[in-house]
């Protein structure tokens, strides 16, 4: 007695027979996001072991680097959250750990009794300076040296444009507006 095909059987036959729900599988929009995700994951995998050899997780390095590159080597916790790929509670826990090992400290915000700055310490800057040459060499080898200077300029502009939409508070130049 023949059985009727299941939905799984239909899916196994591929997009041509599965119906119009899958017509957009070859859309360049999907390819653009897929390539960005794969590239980001690959770059993080390339830099993670080298950062760990200097005592940093990728998230800890990102926080210390962002603080070091900010005016006064500090950012409000809310600004730092907007710039990092962590939730607010995740960032708070990470800053707690960085504070315990002496790489970061918190300072109260004079204009907002509830607000705090995260500030990179001298020890944090020293550890960062030890890790930077190897980190930059890996970035060059796996990323920026593969591009022509004009391509890199276009890519940076495009990434900033997308970032401004998907992470509106992440632009340090914009977060400094109105900050004492």
Protein backbone atom coordinates (compact mmCIF):
# COMPACT_ATOMS: atom_id res chain seq x y z
CA UNK A 1 0.00 0.00 0.00
CA UNK A 2 1.61 3.31 -1.09
CA UNK A 3 2.07 5.96 1.55
CA UNK A 4 1.64 9.63 0.96
CA UNK A 5 4.82 11.72 0.93
CA UNK A 6 5.63 13.57 4.16
CA UNK A 7 6.76 17.19 4.34
CA UNK A 8 10.26 15.89 5.01
CA UNK A 9 10.16 13.95 1.74
CA UNK A 10 9.16 17.13 -0.09
CA UNK A 11 12.04 19.04 1.45
CA UNK A 12 14.48 16.27 0.50
CA UNK A 13 13.56 16.73 -3.16
CA UNK A 14 15.07 20.22 -3.12
CA UNK A 15 13.86 23.72 -3.90
CA UNK A 16 12.57 22.95 -7.39
CA UNK A 17 9.82 20.68 -6.10
CA UNK A 18 9.34 22.13 -2.62
CA UNK A 19 7.20 25.06 -3.71
CA UNK A 20 7.35 28.82 -3.90
CA UNK A 21 8.34 29.29 -0.24
CA UNK A 22 11.97 28.68 -1.25
CA UNK A 23 12.14 30.83 -4.38
CA UNK A 24 14.48 33.36 -2.73
CA UNK A 25 17.27 30.98 -1.68
CA UNK A 26 19.74 32.39 -4.19
CA UNK A 27 19.01 36.00 -3.18
CA UNK A 28 22.21 38.07 -2.89
CA UNK A 29 20.78 39.52 0.34
CA UNK A 30 21.16 36.10 1.98
CA UNK A 31 24.63 35.72 0.48
CA UNK A 32 25.73 39.14 1.81
CA UNK A 33 24.71 38.28 5.36
CA UNK A 34 26.10 34.75 5.15
CA UNK A 35 29.49 35.99 3.94
CA UNK A 36 29.63 38.63 6.68
CA UNK A 37 28.81 36.08 9.39
CA UNK A 38 31.28 33.50 8.03
CA UNK A 39 34.02 36.11 7.69
CA UNK A 40 33.45 37.47 11.17
CA UNK A 41 33.45 33.99 12.68
CA UNK A 42 36.61 33.06 10.79
CA UNK A 43 38.45 36.21 11.85
CA UNK A 44 37.45 35.72 15.49
CA UNK A 45 38.67 32.12 15.32
CA UNK A 46 41.99 33.34 13.89
CA UNK A 47 42.62 35.97 16.57
CA UNK A 48 41.23 34.15 19.63
CA UNK A 49 44.22 31.84 20.31
CA UNK A 50 46.73 34.68 19.94
CA UNK A 51 44.72 36.95 22.28
CA UNK A 52 44.41 34.12 24.81
CA UNK A 53 48.20 33.81 24.81
CA UNK A 54 48.26 37.38 26.16
CA UNK A 55 45.57 36.69 28.76
CA UNK A 56 42.62 38.13 26.84
CA UNK A 57 39.36 36.63 25.68
CA UNK A 58 38.14 38.25 22.46
CA UNK A 59 35.47 40.13 24.45
CA UNK A 60 37.94 41.32 27.10
CA UNK A 61 40.33 42.50 24.40
CA UNK A 62 37.50 44.36 22.65
CA UNK A 63 36.57 46.18 25.86
CA UNK A 64 40.15 47.14 26.78
CA UNK A 65 40.88 48.24 23.19
CA UNK A 66 37.71 50.35 22.97
CA UNK A 67 38.50 52.02 26.27
CA UNK A 68 42.12 52.66 25.25
CA UNK A 69 40.97 54.27 21.99
CA UNK A 70 38.41 56.51 23.70
CA UNK A 71 39.07 60.04 25.00
CA UNK A 72 40.44 59.82 28.53
CA UNK A 73 40.64 56.02 28.11
CA UNK A 74 37.09 55.79 29.37
CA UNK A 75 33.49 55.29 28.28
CA UNK A 76 30.22 55.30 30.12
CA UNK A 77 29.02 51.77 30.67
CA UNK A 78 26.00 52.46 28.44
CA UNK A 79 28.28 53.67 25.62
CA UNK A 80 30.51 50.64 26.00
CA UNK A 81 27.49 48.33 25.87
CA UNK A 82 26.36 49.98 22.62
CA UNK A 83 29.80 49.43 21.09
CA UNK A 84 30.33 45.82 22.15
CA UNK A 85 28.75 42.56 21.08
CA UNK A 86 27.58 41.86 24.63
CA UNK A 87 24.37 42.38 26.52
CA UNK A 88 24.34 44.94 29.30
CA UNK A 89 24.52 42.24 31.97
CA UNK A 90 27.23 40.38 30.04
CA UNK A 91 29.30 43.54 29.80
CA UNK A 92 28.81 44.24 33.51
CA UNK A 93 30.11 40.76 34.36
CA UNK A 94 33.07 41.17 32.02
CA UNK A 95 33.97 44.57 33.48
CA UNK A 96 33.71 43.02 36.96
CA UNK A 97 36.26 40.36 35.91
CA UNK A 98 38.55 42.92 34.26
CA UNK A 99 38.32 45.07 37.39
CA UNK A 100 39.30 42.10 39.61
CA UNK A 101 42.47 41.50 37.56
CA UNK A 102 43.33 45.22 37.48
CA UNK A 103 42.85 45.96 33.76
CA UNK A 104 39.81 48.22 34.18
CA UNK A 105 38.30 50.31 36.96
CA UNK A 106 34.94 52.02 37.39
CA UNK A 107 34.60 55.71 38.14
CA UNK A 108 31.37 57.49 39.04
CA UNK A 109 29.97 59.90 36.48
CA UNK A 110 29.90 63.40 37.99
CA UNK A 111 26.86 64.46 35.94
CA UNK A 112 24.78 61.34 36.65
CA UNK A 113 24.78 59.80 40.13
CA UNK A 114 23.60 56.48 38.71
CA UNK A 115 26.12 56.36 35.87
CA UNK A 116 29.63 54.95 35.82
CA UNK A 117 32.59 55.10 33.51
CA UNK A 118 34.70 52.08 32.68
CA UNK A 119 38.33 53.23 32.56
CA UNK A 120 41.31 51.22 31.33
CA UNK A 121 44.12 51.14 33.90
CA UNK A 122 47.85 51.50 33.35
CA UNK A 123 48.08 47.71 33.72
CA UNK A 124 45.39 47.30 31.09
CA UNK A 125 47.24 49.59 28.69
CA UNK A 126 50.47 47.66 29.31
CA UNK A 127 48.84 44.29 28.64
CA UNK A 128 47.16 45.73 25.54
CA UNK A 129 50.48 47.08 24.22
CA UNK A 130 52.02 43.60 24.55
CA UNK A 131 49.17 41.97 22.59
CA UNK A 132 48.75 44.60 19.86
CA UNK A 133 51.68 43.72 17.55
CA UNK A 134 50.67 40.06 17.23
CA UNK A 135 46.99 40.99 16.93
CA UNK A 136 47.66 43.55 14.21
CA UNK A 137 49.85 41.07 12.32
CA UNK A 138 47.03 38.50 12.33
CA UNK A 139 44.50 41.10 11.16
CA UNK A 140 46.81 42.13 8.34
CA UNK A 141 47.51 38.52 7.30
CA UNK A 142 43.87 37.38 7.36
CA UNK A 143 42.05 40.55 6.40
CA UNK A 144 43.37 43.97 5.53
CA UNK A 145 46.43 42.97 3.48
CA UNK A 146 44.16 40.91 1.23
CA UNK A 147 42.46 44.12 0.09
CA UNK A 148 43.68 46.96 -2.06
CA UNK A 149 43.74 50.28 -0.14
CA UNK A 150 40.68 51.50 -2.08
CA UNK A 151 38.80 48.28 -1.30
CA UNK A 152 39.57 48.64 2.40
CA UNK A 153 38.35 52.25 2.37
CA UNK A 154 35.08 51.22 0.68
CA UNK A 155 34.63 48.27 3.05
CA UNK A 156 35.18 50.44 6.14
CA UNK A 157 32.65 52.98 4.86
CA UNK A 158 30.10 50.26 4.11
CA UNK A 159 30.56 48.60 7.51
CA UNK A 160 30.15 51.95 9.29
CA UNK A 161 26.97 52.63 7.33
CA UNK A 162 25.46 49.27 8.28
CA UNK A 163 26.64 49.59 11.89
CA UNK A 164 24.90 52.96 12.22
CA UNK A 165 21.58 51.25 11.46
CA UNK A 166 21.94 47.97 13.35
CA UNK A 167 23.74 49.46 16.36
CA UNK A 168 22.78 53.14 16.54
CA UNK A 169 24.72 53.98 19.73
CA UNK A 170 27.94 52.33 18.59
CA UNK A 171 29.65 55.24 16.83
CA UNK A 172 32.12 56.73 19.34
CA UNK A 173 32.06 60.10 17.56
CA UNK A 174 28.29 60.28 18.01
CA UNK A 175 28.32 59.06 21.63
CA UNK A 176 30.71 61.85 22.60
CA UNK A 177 28.13 64.47 21.63
CA UNK A 178 26.56 65.74 24.82
CA UNK A 179 28.99 63.83 27.06
CA UNK A 180 30.74 66.02 29.65
